[in-house]
Amino acid sequence: MISTNKIRRLLVERDTNFKRLGKSTGLSSETLYRFKTGGEFGMATVDRICAALGCQPCDIMEYVEEEGK
């Protein structure tokens, strides 16, 4: 499964938060909530977040194996 926990660390390192990220990307709070909680999101969301933060997708998410599989 895809884990988006890495974005939290990146936001802390950059001294920002999801609210500011939403303003800089134009993404809704609902879209950012889905992203940070592991809900469904599209590549356009990843693109906008990476553009705003100046990072690569691997800086904000990663694949982790589900336990028991």
Protein backbone atom coordinates (compact mmCIF):
# COMPACT_ATOMS: atom_id res chain seq x y z
CA MET A 1 0.00 0.00 0.00
CA ILE A 2 1.07 3.60 -0.48
CA SER A 3 1.97 5.48 2.69
CA THR A 4 1.97 9.27 2.66
CA ASN A 5 3.52 9.65 6.12
CA LYS A 6 6.70 11.10 4.63
CA ILE A 7 4.92 14.34 3.73
CA ARG A 8 4.38 15.15 7.40
CA ARG A 9 8.13 15.05 8.07
CA LEU A 10 8.81 17.16 5.00
CA LEU A 11 6.28 19.79 6.05
CA VAL A 12 7.85 19.99 9.52
CA GLU A 13 11.32 20.31 7.98
CA ARG A 14 10.03 23.14 5.78
CA ASP A 15 8.23 24.81 8.72
CA THR A 16 4.84 24.64 7.02
CA ASN A 17 1.59 22.69 7.31
CA PHE A 18 -1.28 21.27 5.26
CA LYS A 19 -3.28 24.50 5.45
CA ARG A 20 -0.44 26.50 3.89
CA LEU A 21 0.15 23.72 1.37
CA GLY A 22 -3.49 23.93 0.35
CA LYS A 23 -3.20 27.66 -0.23
CA SER A 24 -0.02 27.34 -2.28
CA THR A 25 -1.33 24.45 -4.42
CA GLY A 26 -4.97 25.42 -4.72
CA LEU A 27 -5.93 21.93 -3.50
CA SER A 28 -9.03 21.66 -1.33
CA SER A 29 -8.83 20.63 2.30
CA GLU A 30 -10.78 17.48 1.36
CA THR A 31 -8.18 16.50 -1.26
CA LEU A 32 -5.31 17.07 1.17
CA TYR A 33 -7.17 15.11 3.85
CA ARG A 34 -7.54 12.15 1.46
CA PHE A 35 -3.85 12.40 0.62
CA LYS A 36 -2.60 12.52 4.22
CA THR A 37 -4.95 9.75 5.43
CA GLY A 38 -4.21 7.32 2.62
CA GLY A 39 -7.43 7.84 0.71
CA GLU A 40 -7.64 7.91 -3.06
CA PHE A 41 -5.92 10.73 -4.89
CA GLY A 42 -4.73 11.32 -8.43
CA MET A 43 -1.37 12.00 -9.97
CA ALA A 44 -2.39 15.61 -10.55
CA THR A 45 -2.50 15.99 -6.75
CA VAL A 46 0.98 14.53 -6.41
CA ASP A 47 2.19 16.80 -9.22
CA ARG A 48 0.84 19.95 -7.56
CA ILE A 49 2.24 19.03 -4.14
CA CYS A 50 5.68 18.24 -5.56
CA ALA A 51 5.72 21.47 -7.57
CA ALA A 52 4.80 23.53 -4.51
CA LEU A 53 7.36 21.83 -2.25
CA GLY A 54 10.08 21.47 -4.88
CA CYS A 55 10.40 17.76 -4.24
CA GLN A 56 10.01 14.34 -5.86
CA PRO A 57 7.11 11.92 -5.25
CA CYS A 58 9.44 9.65 -3.25
CA ASP A 59 9.90 12.54 -0.79
CA ILE A 60 6.21 12.57 0.15
CA MET A 61 5.09 8.94 -0.21
CA GLU A 62 6.39 5.39 -0.32
CA TYR A 63 5.26 1.83 -0.84
CA VAL A 64 5.04 -0.31 2.29
CA GLU A 65 3.91 -3.90 2.49
CA GLU A 66 0.72 -4.51 4.39
CA GLU A 67 1.09 -6.63 7.49
CA GLY A 68 -0.12 -10.19 7.10
CA LYS A 69 0.30 -10.31 3.35
